[in-house]
């Protein structure tokens, strides 16, 4: 059994240990690389899954106003430039006198300071748009937002 016995000097043993250490480090590096790669794939799959779950859906057909507004938000800038035409105020069929009466009823109520400021802001905006002959789509949306805020205040103070 003497022929199986290997004799190494200390220098040869140290070189052999360094080579084995390098191989071990190389394989550990490969394992870390593949683990990081698989983690990245899993993270991308989770991200894609969340993105698919967050698909944008339009509301029901019954809610036409919100549906049209969302479609308007989804249009490109070129399409909105094409449709950015001023609409005459008379064709919108707004009852601004009723709005002014409602605002005056609200002003007669005991409002909080923030609500009083809101009513004054709505009153100024409605008066400003009432003096115009035609409204473009952004002004129409702003007036519509004022009507929405006015409706919330009326519901809050039972007017």
Protein backbone atom coordinates (compact mmCIF):
# COMPACT_ATOMS: atom_id res chain seq x y z
CA UNK A 1 0.00 0.00 0.00
CA UNK A 2 2.99 2.18 -0.18
CA UNK A 3 2.28 3.05 -3.78
CA UNK A 4 -0.99 4.80 -2.80
CA UNK A 5 0.70 6.98 -0.32
CA UNK A 6 1.20 10.51 -1.60
CA UNK A 7 3.82 12.68 -0.17
CA UNK A 8 3.57 16.41 -0.51
CA UNK A 9 5.74 19.13 0.73
CA UNK A 10 4.24 22.04 2.67
CA UNK A 11 4.50 24.29 -0.37
CA UNK A 12 2.69 21.79 -2.58
CA UNK A 13 -0.01 21.33 0.07
CA UNK A 14 -0.53 25.07 0.39
CA UNK A 15 -0.84 25.44 -3.41
CA UNK A 16 -3.26 22.51 -3.52
CA UNK A 17 -5.36 24.09 -0.71
CA UNK A 18 -5.40 27.42 -2.54
CA UNK A 19 -6.55 25.71 -5.74
CA UNK A 20 -9.32 23.87 -3.86
CA UNK A 21 -10.32 27.11 -2.14
CA UNK A 22 -10.51 28.87 -5.51
CA UNK A 23 -12.72 26.10 -6.91
CA UNK A 24 -14.99 26.28 -3.87
CA UNK A 25 -15.26 30.06 -4.15
CA UNK A 26 -15.98 29.74 -7.87
CA UNK A 27 -18.82 27.28 -7.24
CA UNK A 28 -20.23 29.41 -4.41
CA UNK A 29 -20.12 32.40 -6.76
CA UNK A 30 -22.00 30.41 -9.42
CA UNK A 31 -24.62 29.39 -6.87
CA UNK A 32 -25.07 33.00 -5.75
CA UNK A 33 -25.34 34.14 -9.37
CA UNK A 34 -28.04 31.60 -10.24
CA UNK A 35 -29.91 32.29 -7.00
CA UNK A 36 -29.94 36.04 -7.69
CA UNK A 37 -31.07 35.35 -11.25
CA UNK A 38 -33.96 33.17 -10.07
CA UNK A 39 -34.95 35.79 -7.47
CA UNK A 40 -35.01 38.44 -10.20
CA UNK A 41 -37.22 36.23 -12.37
CA UNK A 42 -39.62 35.65 -9.47
CA UNK A 43 -39.71 39.37 -8.71
CA UNK A 44 -40.47 40.19 -12.36
CA UNK A 45 -43.21 37.55 -12.44
CA UNK A 46 -44.79 39.02 -9.29
CA UNK A 47 -44.58 42.49 -10.81
CA UNK A 48 -46.22 41.31 -14.03
CA UNK A 49 -48.92 39.53 -12.04
CA UNK A 50 -49.69 42.71 -10.08
CA UNK A 51 -49.68 44.74 -13.28
CA UNK A 52 -52.14 42.31 -14.90
CA UNK A 53 -54.38 42.50 -11.81
CA UNK A 54 -54.34 46.29 -12.01
CA UNK A 55 -55.83 46.42 -15.48
CA UNK A 56 -57.77 49.57 -16.13
CA UNK A 57 -61.49 48.90 -16.52
CA UNK A 58 -64.11 51.44 -17.40
CA UNK A 59 -67.26 51.73 -15.26
CA UNK A 60 -70.60 50.22 -16.25
CA UNK A 61 -72.51 51.58 -19.19
CA UNK A 62 -75.12 53.07 -16.90
CA UNK A 63 -72.62 55.59 -15.54
CA UNK A 64 -72.13 57.42 -18.83
CA UNK A 65 -70.73 60.62 -17.37
CA UNK A 66 -67.83 58.96 -15.57
CA UNK A 67 -67.24 56.67 -18.54
CA UNK A 68 -67.01 59.60 -20.97
CA UNK A 69 -64.76 61.51 -18.61
CA UNK A 70 -62.40 58.57 -18.22
CA UNK A 71 -62.32 58.07 -21.96
CA UNK A 72 -61.43 61.73 -22.26
CA UNK A 73 -58.54 61.27 -19.83
CA UNK A 74 -57.29 58.29 -21.81
CA UNK A 75 -57.18 60.13 -25.11
CA UNK A 76 -53.90 61.32 -26.51
CA UNK A 77 -52.93 65.00 -26.59
CA UNK A 78 -53.55 65.23 -30.34
CA UNK A 79 -57.10 63.93 -30.00
CA UNK A 80 -57.86 66.41 -27.25
CA UNK A 81 -56.54 69.27 -29.38
CA UNK A 82 -58.93 68.25 -32.13
CA UNK A 83 -61.90 68.16 -29.76
CA UNK A 84 -60.90 71.35 -27.89
CA UNK A 85 -63.74 73.41 -29.41
CA UNK A 86 -65.63 76.03 -27.44
CA UNK A 87 -69.32 75.26 -26.90
CA UNK A 88 -71.82 78.11 -26.70
CA UNK A 89 -73.21 78.59 -23.20
CA UNK A 90 -76.81 78.55 -24.43
CA UNK A 91 -76.41 75.09 -25.96
CA UNK A 92 -75.28 73.62 -22.63
CA UNK A 93 -78.74 74.26 -21.14
CA UNK A 94 -77.42 75.38 -17.75
CA UNK A 95 -79.82 76.77 -15.20
CA UNK A 96 -77.45 79.22 -13.58
CA UNK A 97 -80.27 81.16 -11.91
CA UNK A 98 -81.17 78.03 -9.92
CA UNK A 99 -77.49 77.62 -9.05
CA UNK A 100 -77.32 81.20 -7.78
CA UNK A 101 -80.44 80.64 -5.63
CA UNK A 102 -78.90 77.51 -4.15
CA UNK A 103 -75.68 79.39 -3.42
CA UNK A 104 -77.63 82.16 -1.69
CA UNK A 105 -79.48 79.55 0.42
CA UNK A 106 -76.14 78.02 1.39
CA UNK A 107 -74.72 81.42 2.32
CA UNK A 108 -77.71 81.95 4.63
CA UNK A 109 -76.86 78.73 6.51
CA UNK A 110 -74.46 78.58 9.46
CA UNK A 111 -71.42 77.29 7.54
CA UNK A 112 -67.98 76.41 8.81
CA UNK A 113 -65.23 78.82 7.70
CA UNK A 114 -63.82 76.31 5.20
CA UNK A 115 -67.25 75.66 3.70
CA UNK A 116 -67.97 79.39 3.54
CA UNK A 117 -64.74 79.89 1.57
CA UNK A 118 -65.71 77.03 -0.71
CA UNK A 119 -69.15 78.54 -1.37
CA UNK A 120 -67.55 81.93 -2.14
CA UNK A 121 -65.10 80.27 -4.53
CA UNK A 122 -67.94 78.40 -6.25
CA UNK A 123 -69.98 81.60 -6.49
CA UNK A 124 -67.10 83.48 -8.12
CA UNK A 125 -66.43 80.65 -10.56
CA UNK A 126 -70.08 80.33 -11.59
CA UNK A 127 -70.37 84.09 -12.04
CA UNK A 128 -67.19 84.16 -14.10
CA UNK A 129 -68.35 81.40 -16.43
CA UNK A 130 -71.87 82.84 -16.67
CA UNK A 131 -70.44 86.02 -18.21
CA UNK A 132 -68.71 84.08 -20.99
CA UNK A 133 -70.41 83.36 -24.29
CA UNK A 134 -68.77 79.98 -24.90
CA UNK A 135 -66.96 77.40 -22.76
CA UNK A 136 -64.16 75.12 -23.86
CA UNK A 137 -63.99 71.56 -22.47
CA UNK A 138 -61.63 72.45 -19.61
CA UNK A 139 -63.92 75.25 -18.47
CA UNK A 140 -66.90 72.92 -18.75
CA UNK A 141 -65.11 70.38 -16.55
CA UNK A 142 -64.23 73.09 -14.02
CA UNK A 143 -67.86 74.24 -13.91
CA UNK A 144 -68.97 70.65 -13.53
CA UNK A 145 -66.58 70.21 -10.59
CA UNK A 146 -68.09 73.32 -9.01
CA UNK A 147 -71.55 71.81 -9.39
CA UNK A 148 -70.30 68.62 -7.74
CA UNK A 149 -68.85 70.51 -4.77
CA UNK A 150 -72.06 72.53 -4.51
CA UNK A 151 -74.08 69.32 -4.45
CA UNK A 152 -71.91 67.92 -1.63
CA UNK A 153 -72.36 71.11 0.40
CA UNK A 154 -76.13 71.06 -0.16
CA UNK A 155 -76.25 67.46 1.07
CA UNK A 156 -74.09 68.33 4.07
CA UNK A 157 -76.26 71.26 5.19
CA UNK A 158 -79.63 69.84 4.03
CA UNK A 159 -80.36 72.69 1.60
